[in-house]
Amino acid sequence: HEEGLDETFHVFEGTVKIAIPVYYVQEDFEHMLARARFLAKHLEQPGS
């Protein structure tokens, strides 16, 4: 409560930790190659 104001605020005190989720969305090159090799192995010609 701010003295002199008829209003209640919401505050942080002490140690404050804010969390932000982060996602790495770029597929690793070796991972893509492995999937492509798997696909080539199981496709029929001429696709393989």
ModelCIF file with pLDDT and N, C-alpha, C, O atoms, coordinates in Angstrom:
data_MODEL
#
_entry.id   MODEL 
#
_entity.id                         1 
_entity.type                       polymer 
_entity.pdbx_number_of_molecules   1 
#
_entity_poly.entity_id                      1 
_entity_poly.type                           'polypeptide(L)' 
_entity_poly.nstd_linkage                   no 
_entity_poly.nstd_monomer                   no 
_entity_poly.pdbx_seq_one_letter_code       HEEGLDETFHVFEGTVKIAIPVYYVQEDFEHMLARARFLAKHLEQPGS 
_entity_poly.pdbx_seq_one_letter_code_can   HEEGLDETFHVFEGTVKIAIPVYYVQEDFEHMLARARFLAKHLEQPGS 
_entity_poly.pdbx_strand_id                 A 
#
loop_
_entity_poly_seq.entity_id 
_entity_poly_seq.num 
_entity_poly_seq.mon_id 
_entity_poly_seq.hetero 
1 1  HIS n 
1 2  GLU n 
1 3  GLU n 
1 4  GLY n 
1 5  LEU n 
1 6  ASP n 
1 7  GLU n 
1 8  THR n 
1 9  PHE n 
1 10 HIS n 
1 11 VAL n 
1 12 PHE n 
1 13 GLU n 
1 14 GLY n 
1 15 THR n 
1 16 VAL n 
1 17 LYS n 
1 18 ILE n 
1 19 ALA n 
1 20 ILE n 
1 21 PRO n 
1 22 VAL n 
1 23 TYR n 
1 24 TYR n 
1 25 VAL n 
1 26 GLN n 
1 27 GLU n 
1 28 ASP n 
1 29 PHE n 
1 30 GLU n 
1 31 HIS n 
1 32 MET n 
1 33 LEU n 
1 34 ALA n 
1 35 ARG n 
1 36 ALA n 
1 37 ARG n 
1 38 PHE n 
1 39 LEU n 
1 40 ALA n 
1 41 LYS n 
1 42 HIS n 
1 43 LEU n 
1 44 GLU n 
1 45 GLN n 
1 46 PRO n 
1 47 GLY n 
1 48 SER n 
#
_struct_asym.id          A 
_struct_asym.entity_id   1 
#
loop_
_ma_qa_metric.id 
_ma_qa_metric.mode 
_ma_qa_metric.name 
_ma_qa_metric.software_group_id 
_ma_qa_metric.type 
1 global pLDDT . pLDDT 
2 local  pLDDT . pLDDT 
#
_ma_qa_metric_global.metric_id      1 
_ma_qa_metric_global.metric_value   74.15 
_ma_qa_metric_global.model_id       1 
_ma_qa_metric_global.ordinal_id     1 
#
loop_
_ma_qa_metric_local.label_asym_id 
_ma_qa_metric_local.label_comp_id 
_ma_qa_metric_local.label_seq_id 
_ma_qa_metric_local.metric_id 
_ma_qa_metric_local.metric_value 
_ma_qa_metric_local.model_id 
_ma_qa_metric_local.ordinal_id 
A HIS 1  2 77.00 1 1  
A GLU 2  2 71.00 1 2  
A GLU 3  2 70.00 1 3  
A GLY 4  2 66.00 1 4  
A LEU 5  2 69.00 1 5  
A ASP 6  2 69.00 1 6  
A GLU 7  2 75.00 1 7  
A THR 8  2 79.00 1 8  
A PHE 9  2 84.00 1 9  
A HIS 10 2 90.00 1 10 
A VAL 11 2 93.00 1 11 
A PHE 12 2 95.00 1 12 
A GLU 13 2 94.00 1 13 
A GLY 14 2 94.00 1 14 
A THR 15 2 95.00 1 15 
A VAL 16 2 95.00 1 16 
A LYS 17 2 96.00 1 17 
A ILE 18 2 96.00 1 18 
A ALA 19 2 96.00 1 19 
A ILE 20 2 96.00 1 20 
A PRO 21 2 95.00 1 21 
A VAL 22 2 94.00 1 22 
A TYR 23 2 90.00 1 23 
A TYR 24 2 86.00 1 24 
A VAL 25 2 80.00 1 25 
A GLN 26 2 73.00 1 26 
A GLU 27 2 61.00 1 27 
A ASP 28 2 57.00 1 28 
A PHE 29 2 59.00 1 29 
A GLU 30 2 60.00 1 30 
A HIS 31 2 57.00 1 31 
A MET 32 2 60.00 1 32 
A LEU 33 2 61.00 1 33 
A ALA 34 2 66.00 1 34 
A ARG 35 2 60.00 1 35 
A ALA 36 2 61.00 1 36 
A ARG 37 2 65.00 1 37 
A PHE 38 2 65.00 1 38 
A LEU 39 2 60.00 1 39 
A ALA 40 2 61.00 1 40 
A LYS 41 2 66.00 1 41 
A HIS 42 2 58.00 1 42 
A LEU 43 2 60.00 1 43 
A GLU 44 2 60.00 1 44 
A GLN 45 2 66.00 1 45 
A PRO 46 2 62.00 1 46 
A GLY 47 2 56.00 1 47 
A SER 48 2 60.00 1 48 
#
loop_
_atom_site.group_PDB 
_atom_site.id 
_atom_site.type_symbol 
_atom_site.label_atom_id 
_atom_site.label_alt_id 
_atom_site.label_comp_id 
_atom_site.label_asym_id 
_atom_site.label_entity_id 
_atom_site.label_seq_id 
_atom_site.pdbx_PDB_ins_code 
_atom_site.Cartn_x 
_atom_site.Cartn_y 
_atom_site.Cartn_z 
_atom_site.occupancy 
_atom_site.B_iso_or_equiv 
_atom_site.pdbx_formal_charge 
_atom_site.auth_seq_id 
_atom_site.auth_comp_id 
_atom_site.auth_asym_id 
_atom_site.auth_atom_id 
_atom_site.pdbx_PDB_model_num 
ATOM 1   N N  . HIS A 1 1  ? 0.847  -1.197  0.000   1.00 77.00 ? 1  HIS A N  1 
ATOM 2   C CA . HIS A 1 1  ? 0.000  0.000   0.000   1.00 77.00 ? 1  HIS A CA 1 
ATOM 3   C C  . HIS A 1 1  ? 0.879  1.242   0.000   1.00 77.00 ? 1  HIS A C  1 
ATOM 4   O O  . HIS A 1 1  ? 1.668  1.458   0.920   1.00 77.00 ? 1  HIS A O  1 
ATOM 5   N N  . GLU A 1 2  ? 0.735  2.049   -1.033  1.00 71.00 ? 2  GLU A N  1 
ATOM 6   C CA . GLU A 1 2  ? 1.499  3.286   -1.153  1.00 71.00 ? 2  GLU A CA 1 
ATOM 7   C C  . GLU A 1 2  ? 0.891  4.332   -0.223  1.00 71.00 ? 2  GLU A C  1 
ATOM 8   O O  . GLU A 1 2  ? -0.274 4.702   -0.368  1.00 71.00 ? 2  GLU A O  1 
ATOM 9   N N  . GLU A 1 3  ? 1.686  4.802   0.727   1.00 70.00 ? 3  GLU A N  1 
ATOM 10  C CA . GLU A 1 3  ? 1.172  5.777   1.693   1.00 70.00 ? 3  GLU A CA 1 
ATOM 11  C C  . GLU A 1 3  ? 0.738  7.060   0.980   1.00 70.00 ? 3  GLU A C  1 
ATOM 12  O O  . GLU A 1 3  ? 1.473  7.615   0.163   1.00 70.00 ? 3  GLU A O  1 
ATOM 13  N N  . GLY A 1 4  ? -0.469 7.514   1.308   1.00 66.00 ? 4  GLY A N  1 
ATOM 14  C CA . GLY A 1 4  ? -1.004 8.712   0.684   1.00 66.00 ? 4  GLY A CA 1 
ATOM 15  C C  . GLY A 1 4  ? -1.840 8.444   -0.543  1.00 66.00 ? 4  GLY A C  1 
ATOM 16  O O  . GLY A 1 4  ? -2.486 9.351   -1.068  1.00 66.00 ? 4  GLY A O  1 
ATOM 17  N N  . LEU A 1 5  ? -1.836 7.194   -1.011  1.00 69.00 ? 5  LEU A N  1 
ATOM 18  C CA . LEU A 1 5  ? -2.638 6.814   -2.178  1.00 69.00 ? 5  LEU A CA 1 
ATOM 19  C C  . LEU A 1 5  ? -3.641 5.753   -1.770  1.00 69.00 ? 5  LEU A C  1 
ATOM 20  O O  . LEU A 1 5  ? -3.329 4.840   -1.006  1.00 69.00 ? 5  LEU A O  1 
ATOM 21  N N  . ASP A 1 6  ? -4.837 5.887   -2.288  1.00 69.00 ? 6  ASP A N  1 
ATOM 22  C CA . ASP A 1 6  ? -5.874 4.903   -1.998  1.00 69.00 ? 6  ASP A CA 1 
ATOM 23  C C  . ASP A 1 6  ? -5.802 3.770   -3.014  1.00 69.00 ? 6  ASP A C  1 
ATOM 24  O O  . ASP A 1 6  ? -6.751 3.514   -3.755  1.00 69.00 ? 6  ASP A O  1 
ATOM 25  N N  . GLU A 1 7  ? -4.661 3.102   -3.030  1.00 75.00 ? 7  GLU A N  1 
ATOM 26  C CA . GLU A 1 7  ? -4.448 2.051   -4.018  1.00 75.00 ? 7  GLU A CA 1 
ATOM 27  C C  . GLU A 1 7  ? -3.441 1.044   -3.488  1.00 75.00 ? 7  GLU A C  1 
ATOM 28  O O  . GLU A 1 7  ? -2.462 1.409   -2.837  1.00 75.00 ? 7  GLU A O  1 
ATOM 29  N N  . THR A 1 8  ? -3.695 -0.237  -3.776  1.00 79.00 ? 8  THR A N  1 
ATOM 30  C CA . THR A 1 8  ? -2.782 -1.308  -3.381  1.00 79.00 ? 8  THR A CA 1 
ATOM 31  C C  . THR A 1 8  ? -2.060 -1.828  -4.617  1.00 79.00 ? 8  THR A C  1 
ATOM 32  O O  . THR A 1 8  ? -2.683 -2.133  -5.634  1.00 79.00 ? 8  THR A O  1 
ATOM 33  N N  . PHE A 1 9  ? -0.732 -1.925  -4.514  1.00 84.00 ? 9  PHE A N  1 
ATOM 34  C CA . PHE A 1 9  ? 0.084  -2.406  -5.618  1.00 84.00 ? 9  PHE A CA 1 
ATOM 35  C C  . PHE A 1 9  ? 0.546  -3.842  -5.331  1.00 84.00 ? 9  PHE A C  1 
ATOM 36  O O  . PHE A 1 9  ? 0.487  -4.323  -4.200  1.00 84.00 ? 9  PHE A O  1 
ATOM 37  N N  . HIS A 1 10 ? 1.000  -4.496  -6.384  1.00 90.00 ? 10 HIS A N  1 
ATOM 38  C CA . HIS A 1 10 ? 1.594  -5.822  -6.236  1.00 90.00 ? 10 HIS A CA 1 
ATOM 39  C C  . HIS A 1 10 ? 3.075  -5.713  -6.560  1.00 90.00 ? 10 HIS A C  1 
ATOM 40  O O  . HIS A 1 10 ? 3.458  -5.238  -7.630  1.00 90.00 ? 10 HIS A O  1 
ATOM 41  N N  . VAL A 1 11 ? 3.910  -6.165  -5.614  1.00 93.00 ? 11 VAL A N  1 
ATOM 42  C CA . VAL A 1 11 ? 5.349  -5.949  -5.737  1.00 93.00 ? 11 VAL A CA 1 
ATOM 43  C C  . VAL A 1 11 ? 6.111  -7.254  -5.507  1.00 93.00 ? 11 VAL A C  1 
ATOM 44  O O  . VAL A 1 11 ? 5.597  -8.219  -4.940  1.00 93.00 ? 11 VAL A O  1 
ATOM 45  N N  . PHE A 1 12 ? 7.369  -7.235  -5.977  1.00 95.00 ? 12 PHE A N  1 
ATOM 46  C CA . PHE A 1 12 ? 8.319  -8.309  -5.704  1.00 95.00 ? 12 PHE A CA 1 
ATOM 47  C C  . PHE A 1 12 ? 9.303  -7.825  -4.644  1.00 95.00 ? 12 PHE A C  1 
ATOM 48  O O  . PHE A 1 12 ? 9.708  -6.662  -4.648  1.00 95.00 ? 12 PHE A O  1 
ATOM 49  N N  . GLU A 1 13 ? 9.682  -8.716  -3.745  1.00 94.00 ? 13 GLU A N  1 
ATOM 50  C CA . GLU A 1 13 ? 10.654 -8.386  -2.704  1.00 94.00 ? 13 GLU A CA 1 
ATOM 51  C C  . GLU A 1 13 ? 11.656 -9.522  -2.561  1.00 94.00 ? 13 GLU A C  1 
ATOM 52  O O  . GLU A 1 13 ? 11.401 -10.653 -2.974  1.00 94.00 ? 13 GLU A O  1 
ATOM 53  N N  . GLY A 1 14 ? 12.815 -9.194  -1.959  1.00 94.00 ? 14 GLY A N  1 
ATOM 54  C CA . GLY A 1 14 ? 13.813 -10.222 -1.681  1.00 94.00 ? 14 GLY A CA 1 
ATOM 55  C C  . GLY A 1 14 ? 14.460 -10.758 -2.937  1.00 94.00 ? 14 GLY A C  1 
ATOM 56  O O  . GLY A 1 14 ? 14.961 -9.993  -3.761  1.00 94.00 ? 14 GLY A O  1 
ATOM 57  N N  . THR A 1 15 ? 14.451 -12.080 -3.089  1.00 95.00 ? 15 THR A N  1 
ATOM 58  C CA . THR A 1 15 ? 14.989 -12.730 -4.282  1.00 95.00 ? 15 THR A CA 1 
ATOM 59  C C  . THR A 1 15 ? 13.841 -13.063 -5.217  1.00 95.00 ? 15 THR A C  1 
ATOM 60  O O  . THR A 1 15 ? 12.891 -13.739 -4.824  1.00 95.00 ? 15 THR A O  1 
ATOM 61  N N  . VAL A 1 16 ? 13.925 -12.597 -6.435  1.00 95.00 ? 16 VAL A N  1 
ATOM 62  C CA . VAL A 1 16 ? 12.846 -12.740 -7.421  1.00 95.00 ? 16 VAL A CA 1 
ATOM 63  C C  . VAL A 1 16 ? 13.383 -13.532 -8.603  1.00 95.00 ? 16 VAL A C  1 
ATOM 64  O O  . VAL A 1 16 ? 14.415 -13.176 -9.172  1.00 95.00 ? 16 VAL A O  1 
ATOM 65  N N  . LYS A 1 17 ? 12.696 -14.599 -8.976  1.00 96.00 ? 17 LYS A N  1 
ATOM 66  C CA . LYS A 1 17 ? 13.130 -15.419 -10.117 1.00 96.00 ? 17 LYS A CA 1 
ATOM 67  C C  . LYS A 1 17 ? 12.016 -15.456 -11.162 1.00 96.00 ? 17 LYS A C  1 
ATOM 68  O O  . LYS A 1 17 ? 10.901 -15.901 -10.886 1.00 96.00 ? 17 LYS A O  1 
ATOM 69  N N  . ILE A 1 18 ? 12.337 -14.984 -12.358 1.00 96.00 ? 18 ILE A N  1 
ATOM 70  C CA . ILE A 1 18 ? 11.414 -15.002 -13.496 1.00 96.00 ? 18 ILE A CA 1 
ATOM 71  C C  . ILE A 1 18 ? 11.901 -16.059 -14.475 1.00 96.00 ? 18 ILE A C  1 
ATOM 72  O O  . ILE A 1 18 ? 13.078 -16.084 -14.835 1.00 96.00 ? 18 ILE A O  1 
ATOM 73  N N  . ALA A 1 19 ? 10.997 -16.929 -14.907 1.00 96.00 ? 19 ALA A N  1 
ATOM 74  C CA . ALA A 1 19 ? 11.363 -18.049 -15.787 1.00 96.00 ? 19 ALA A CA 1 
ATOM 75  C C  . ALA A 1 19 ? 10.803 -17.830 -17.184 1.00 96.00 ? 19 ALA A C  1 
ATOM 76  O O  . ALA A 1 19 ? 9.645  -17.445 -17.346 1.00 96.00 ? 19 ALA A O  1 
ATOM 77  N N  . ILE A 1 20 ? 11.634 -18.080 -18.192 1.00 96.00 ? 20 ILE A N  1 
ATOM 78  C CA . ILE A 1 20 ? 11.225 -17.937 -19.590 1.00 96.00 ? 20 ILE A CA 1 
ATOM 79  C C  . ILE A 1 20 ? 11.541 -19.239 -20.319 1.00 96.00 ? 20 ILE A C  1 
ATOM 80  O O  . ILE A 1 20 ? 12.711 -19.608 -20.417 1.00 96.00 ? 20 ILE A O  1 
ATOM 81  N N  . PRO A 1 21 ? 10.524 -19.955 -20.837 1.00 95.00 ? 21 PRO A N  1 
ATOM 82  C CA . PRO A 1 21 ? 10.801 -21.170 -21.603 1.00 95.00 ? 21 PRO A CA 1 
ATOM 83  C C  . PRO A 1 21 ? 11.443 -20.827 -22.956 1.00 95.00 ? 21 PRO A C  1 
ATOM 84  O O  . PRO A 1 21 ? 11.030 -19.878 -23.623 1.00 95.00 ? 21 PRO A O  1 
ATOM 85  N N  . VAL A 1 22 ? 12.443 -21.599 -23.346 1.00 94.00 ? 22 VAL A N  1 
ATOM 86  C CA . VAL A 1 22 ? 13.098 -21.421 -24.640 1.00 94.00 ? 22 VAL A CA 1 
ATOM 87  C C  . VAL A 1 22 ? 13.211 -22.785 -25.316 1.00 94.00 ? 22 VAL A C  1 
ATOM 88  O O  . VAL A 1 22 ? 13.487 -23.792 -24.664 1.00 94.00 ? 22 VAL A O  1 
ATOM 89  N N  . TYR A 1 23 ? 12.994 -22.805 -26.645 1.00 90.00 ? 23 TYR A N  1 
ATOM 90  C CA . TYR A 1 23 ? 12.995 -24.055 -27.406 1.00 90.00 ? 23 TYR A CA 1 
ATOM 91  C C  . TYR A 1 23 ? 13.952 -23.921 -28.588 1.00 90.00 ? 23 TYR A C  1 
ATOM 92  O O  . TYR A 1 23 ? 13.866 -22.967 -29.361 1.00 90.00 ? 23 TYR A O  1 
ATOM 93  N N  . TYR A 1 24 ? 14.863 -24.885 -28.723 1.00 86.00 ? 24 TYR A N  1 
ATOM 94  C CA . TYR A 1 24 ? 15.738 -24.920 -29.891 1.00 86.00 ? 24 TYR A CA 1 
ATOM 95  C C  . TYR A 1 24 ? 15.040 -25.748 -30.962 1.00 86.00 ? 24 TYR A C  1 
ATOM 96  O O  . TYR A 1 24 ? 14.813 -26.943 -30.771 1.00 86.00 ? 24 TYR A O  1 
ATOM 97  N N  . VAL A 1 25 ? 14.694 -25.118 -32.096 1.00 80.00 ? 25 VAL A N  1 
ATOM 98  C CA . VAL A 1 25 ? 13.833 -25.763 -33.089 1.00 80.00 ? 25 VAL A CA 1 
ATOM 99  C C  . VAL A 1 25 ? 14.540 -26.069 -34.405 1.00 80.00 ? 25 VAL A C  1 
ATOM 100 O O  . VAL A 1 25 ? 13.905 -26.514 -35.361 1.00 80.00 ? 25 VAL A O  1 
ATOM 101 N N  . GLN A 1 26 ? 15.835 -25.836 -34.462 1.00 73.00 ? 26 GLN A N  1 
ATOM 102 C CA . GLN A 1 26 ? 16.570 -26.131 -35.696 1.00 73.00 ? 26 GLN A CA 1 
ATOM 103 C C  . GLN A 1 26 ? 17.150 -27.536 -35.619 1.00 73.00 ? 26 GLN A C  1 
ATOM 104 O O  . GLN A 1 26 ? 17.998 -27.824 -34.775 1.00 73.00 ? 26 GLN A O  1 
ATOM 105 N N  . GLU A 1 27 ? 16.684 -28.406 -36.508 1.00 61.00 ? 27 GLU A N  1 
ATOM 106 C CA . GLU A 1 27 ? 17.119 -29.796 -36.455 1.00 61.00 ? 27 GLU A CA 1 
ATOM 107 C C  . GLU A 1 27 ? 18.604 -29.924 -36.781 1.00 61.00 ? 27 GLU A C  1 
ATOM 108 O O  . GLU A 1 27 ? 19.109 -29.289 -37.707 1.00 61.00 ? 27 GLU A O  1 
ATOM 109 N N  . ASP A 1 28 ? 19.281 -30.743 -36.016 1.00 57.00 ? 28 ASP A N  1 
ATOM 110 C CA . ASP A 1 28 ? 20.702 -30.978 -36.223 1.00 57.00 ? 28 ASP A CA 1 
ATOM 111 C C  . ASP A 1 28 ? 20.933 -31.636 -37.595 1.00 57.00 ? 28 ASP A C  1 
ATOM 112 O O  . ASP A 1 28 ? 20.173 -32.514 -38.004 1.00 57.00 ? 28 ASP A O  1 
ATOM 113 N N  . PHE A 1 29 ? 21.990 -31.203 -38.295 1.00 59.00 ? 29 PHE A N  1 
ATOM 114 C CA . PHE A 1 29 ? 22.267 -31.690 -39.652 1.00 59.00 ? 29 PHE A CA 1 
ATOM 115 C C  . PHE A 1 29 ? 22.476 -33.201 -39.669 1.00 59.00 ? 29 PHE A C  1 
ATOM 116 O O  . PHE A 1 29 ? 21.957 -33.888 -40.549 1.00 59.00 ? 29 PHE A O  1 
ATOM 117 N N  . GLU A 1 30 ? 23.228 -33.721 -38.709 1.00 60.00 ? 30 GLU A N  1 
ATOM 118 C CA . GLU A 1 30 ? 23.484 -35.159 -38.672 1.00 60.00 ? 30 GLU A CA 1 
ATOM 119 C C  . GLU A 1 30 ? 22.189 -35.932 -38.441 1.00 60.00 ? 30 GLU A C  1 
ATOM 120 O O  . GLU A 1 30 ? 22.003 -37.030 -38.967 1.00 60.00 ? 30 GLU A O  1 
ATOM 121 N N  . HIS A 1 31 ? 21.304 -35.344 -37.651 1.00 57.00 ? 31 HIS A N  1 
ATOM 122 C CA . HIS A 1 31 ? 20.010 -35.977 -37.388 1.00 57.00 ? 31 HIS A CA 1 
ATOM 123 C C  . HIS A 1 31 ? 19.194 -36.068 -38.678 1.00 57.00 ? 31 HIS A C  1 
ATOM 124 O O  . HIS A 1 31 ? 18.557 -37.088 -38.943 1.00 57.00 ? 31 HIS A O  1 
ATOM 125 N N  . MET A 1 32 ? 19.216 -34.997 -39.480 1.00 60.00 ? 32 MET A N  1 
ATOM 126 C CA . MET A 1 32 ? 18.490 -35.013 -40.750 1.00 60.00 ? 32 MET A CA 1 
ATOM 127 C C  . MET A 1 32 ? 19.089 -36.033 -41.708 1.00 60.00 ? 32 MET A C  1 
ATOM 128 O O  . MET A 1 32 ? 18.358 -36.746 -42.396 1.00 60.00 ? 32 MET A O  1 
ATOM 129 N N  . LEU A 1 33 ? 20.422 -36.106 -41.756 1.00 61.00 ? 33 LEU A N  1 
ATOM 130 C CA . LEU A 1 33 ? 21.070 -37.089 -42.638 1.00 61.00 ? 33 LEU A CA 1 
ATOM 131 C C  . LEU A 1 33 ? 20.691 -38.512 -42.241 1.00 61.00 ? 33 LEU A C  1 
ATOM 132 O O  . LEU A 1 33 ? 20.438 -39.354 -43.104 1.00 61.00 ? 33 LEU A O  1 
ATOM 133 N N  . ALA A 1 34 ? 20.651 -38.778 -40.950 1.00 66.00 ? 34 ALA A N  1 
ATOM 134 C CA . ALA A 1 34 ? 20.309 -40.124 -40.487 1.00 66.00 ? 34 ALA A CA 1 
ATOM 135 C C  . ALA A 1 34 ? 18.886 -40.486 -40.905 1.00 66.00 ? 34 ALA A C  1 
ATOM 136 O O  . ALA A 1 34 ? 18.624 -41.625 -41.292 1.00 66.00 ? 34 ALA A O  1 
ATOM 137 N N  . ARG A 1 35 ? 17.981 -39.537 -40.828 1.00 60.00 ? 35 ARG A N  1 
ATOM 138 C CA . ARG A 1 35 ? 16.610 -39.814 -41.251 1.00 60.00 ? 35 ARG A CA 1 
ATOM 139 C C  . ARG A 1 35 ? 16.538 -40.034 -42.766 1.00 60.00 ? 35 ARG A C  1 
ATOM 140 O O  . ARG A 1 35 ? 15.781 -40.879 -43.244 1.00 60.00 ? 35 ARG A O  1 
ATOM 141 N N  . ALA A 1 36 ? 17.341 -39.255 -43.519 1.00 61.00 ? 36 ALA A N  1 
ATOM 142 C CA . ALA A 1 36 ? 17.355 -39.426 -44.974 1.00 61.00 ? 36 ALA A CA 1 
ATOM 143 C C  . ALA A 1 36 ? 17.920 -40.792 -45.357 1.00 61.00 ? 36 ALA A C  1 
ATOM 144 O O  . ALA A 1 36 ? 17.404 -41.442 -46.266 1.00 61.00 ? 36 ALA A O  1 
ATOM 145 N N  . ARG A 1 37 ? 18.969 -41.228 -44.672 1.00 65.00 ? 37 ARG A N  1 
ATOM 146 C CA . ARG A 1 37 ? 19.541 -42.559 -44.965 1.00 65.00 ? 37 ARG A CA 1 
ATOM 147 C C  . ARG A 1 37 ? 18.519 -43.658 -44.679 1.00 65.00 ? 37 ARG A C  1 
ATOM 148 O O  . ARG A 1 37 ? 18.390 -44.625 -45.429 1.00 65.00 ? 37 ARG A O  1 
ATOM 149 N N  . PHE A 1 38 ? 17.801 -43.481 -43.578 1.00 65.00 ? 38 PHE A N  1 
ATOM 150 C CA . PHE A 1 38 ? 16.772 -44.466 -43.229 1.00 65.00 ? 38 PHE A CA 1 
ATOM 151 C C  . PHE A 1 38 ? 15.704 -44.522 -44.323 1.00 65.00 ? 38 PHE A C  1 
ATOM 152 O O  . PHE A 1 38 ? 15.254 -45.597 -44.719 1.00 65.00 ? 38 PHE A O  1 
ATOM 153 N N  . LEU A 1 39 ? 15.312 -43.339 -44.800 1.00 60.00 ? 39 LEU A N  1 
ATOM 154 C CA . LEU A 1 39 ? 14.299 -43.264 -45.859 1.00 60.00 ? 39 LEU A CA 1 
ATOM 155 C C  . LEU A 1 39 ? 14.799 -43.933 -47.139 1.00 60.00 ? 39 LEU A C  1 
ATOM 156 O O  . LEU A 1 39 ? 14.064 -44.686 -47.777 1.00 60.00 ? 39 LEU A O  1 
ATOM 157 N N  . ALA A 1 40 ? 16.061 -43.653 -47.515 1.00 61.00 ? 40 ALA A N  1 
ATOM 158 C CA . ALA A 1 40 ? 16.628 -44.247 -48.729 1.00 61.00 ? 40 ALA A CA 1 
ATOM 159 C C  . ALA A 1 40 ? 16.682 -45.763 -48.629 1.00 61.00 ? 40 ALA A C  1 
ATOM 160 O O  . ALA A 1 40 ? 16.500 -46.458 -49.629 1.00 61.00 ? 40 ALA A O  1 
ATOM 161 N N  . LYS A 1 41 ? 16.927 -46.274 -47.447 1.00 66.00 ? 41 LYS A N  1 
ATOM 162 C CA . LYS A 1 41 ? 17.044 -47.718 -47.251 1.00 66.00 ? 41 LYS A CA 1 
ATOM 163 C C  . LYS A 1 41 ? 15.703 -48.428 -47.439 1.00 66.00 ? 41 LYS A C  1 
ATOM 164 O O  . LYS A 1 41 ? 15.659 -49.579 -47.872 1.00 66.00 ? 41 LYS A O  1 
ATOM 165 N N  . HIS A 1 42 ? 14.617 -47.735 -47.112 1.00 58.00 ? 42 HIS A N  1 
ATOM 166 C CA . HIS A 1 42 ? 13.309 -48.393 -47.117 1.00 58.00 ? 42 HIS A CA 1 
ATOM 167 C C  . HIS A 1 42 ? 12.441 -48.013 -48.317 1.00 58.00 ? 42 HIS A C  1 
ATOM 168 O O  . HIS A 1 42 ? 11.375 -48.594 -48.517 1.00 58.00 ? 42 HIS A O  1 
ATOM 169 N N  . LEU A 1 43 ? 12.889 -47.047 -49.111 1.00 60.00 ? 43 LEU A N  1 
ATOM 170 C CA . LEU A 1 43 ? 12.131 -46.702 -50.319 1.00 60.00 ? 43 LEU A CA 1 
ATOM 171 C C  . LEU A 1 43 ? 12.468 -47.658 -51.468 1.00 60.00 ? 43 LEU A C  1 
ATOM 172 O O  . LEU A 1 43 ? 13.549 -48.244 -51.511 1.00 60.00 ? 43 LEU A O  1 
ATOM 173 N N  . GLU A 1 44 ? 11.535 -47.797 -52.378 1.00 60.00 ? 44 GLU A N  1 
ATOM 174 C CA . GLU A 1 44 ? 11.801 -48.543 -53.592 1.00 60.00 ? 44 GLU A CA 1 
ATOM 175 C C  . GLU A 1 44 ? 12.375 -47.598 -54.643 1.00 60.00 ? 44 GLU A C  1 
ATOM 176 O O  . GLU A 1 44 ? 12.245 -46.379 -54.537 1.00 60.00 ? 44 GLU A O  1 
ATOM 177 N N  . GLN A 1 45 ? 13.011 -48.178 -55.655 1.00 66.00 ? 45 GLN A N  1 
ATOM 178 C CA . GLN A 1 45 ? 13.517 -47.371 -56.763 1.00 66.00 ? 45 GLN A CA 1 
ATOM 179 C C  . GLN A 1 45 ? 12.334 -46.828 -57.583 1.00 66.00 ? 45 GLN A C  1 
ATOM 180 O O  . GLN A 1 45 ? 11.302 -47.495 -57.658 1.00 66.00 ? 45 GLN A O  1 
ATOM 181 N N  . PRO A 1 46 ? 12.449 -45.637 -58.201 1.00 62.00 ? 46 PRO A N  1 
ATOM 182 C CA . PRO A 1 46 ? 13.660 -44.792 -58.252 1.00 62.00 ? 46 PRO A CA 1 
ATOM 183 C C  . PRO A 1 46 ? 13.807 -43.852 -57.060 1.00 62.00 ? 46 PRO A C  1 
ATOM 184 O O  . PRO A 1 46 ? 14.805 -43.140 -56.952 1.00 62.00 ? 46 PRO A O  1 
ATOM 185 N N  . GLY A 1 47 ? 12.804 -43.846 -56.153 1.00 56.00 ? 47 GLY A N  1 
ATOM 186 C CA . GLY A 1 47 ? 12.853 -42.910 -55.039 1.00 56.00 ? 47 GLY A CA 1 
ATOM 187 C C  . GLY A 1 47 ? 14.076 -43.090 -54.164 1.00 56.00 ? 47 GLY A C  1 
ATOM 188 O O  . GLY A 1 47 ? 14.661 -42.106 -53.710 1.00 56.00 ? 47 GLY A O  1 
ATOM 189 N N  . SER A 1 48 ? 14.479 -44.348 -53.916 1.00 60.00 ? 48 SER A N  1 
ATOM 190 C CA . SER A 1 48 ? 15.630 -44.608 -53.063 1.00 60.00 ? 48 SER A CA 1 
ATOM 191 C C  . SER A 1 48 ? 16.904 -44.024 -53.657 1.00 60.00 ? 48 SER A C  1 
ATOM 192 O O  . SER A 1 48 ? 17.976 -44.150 -53.066 1.00 60.00 ? 48 SER A O  1 
#
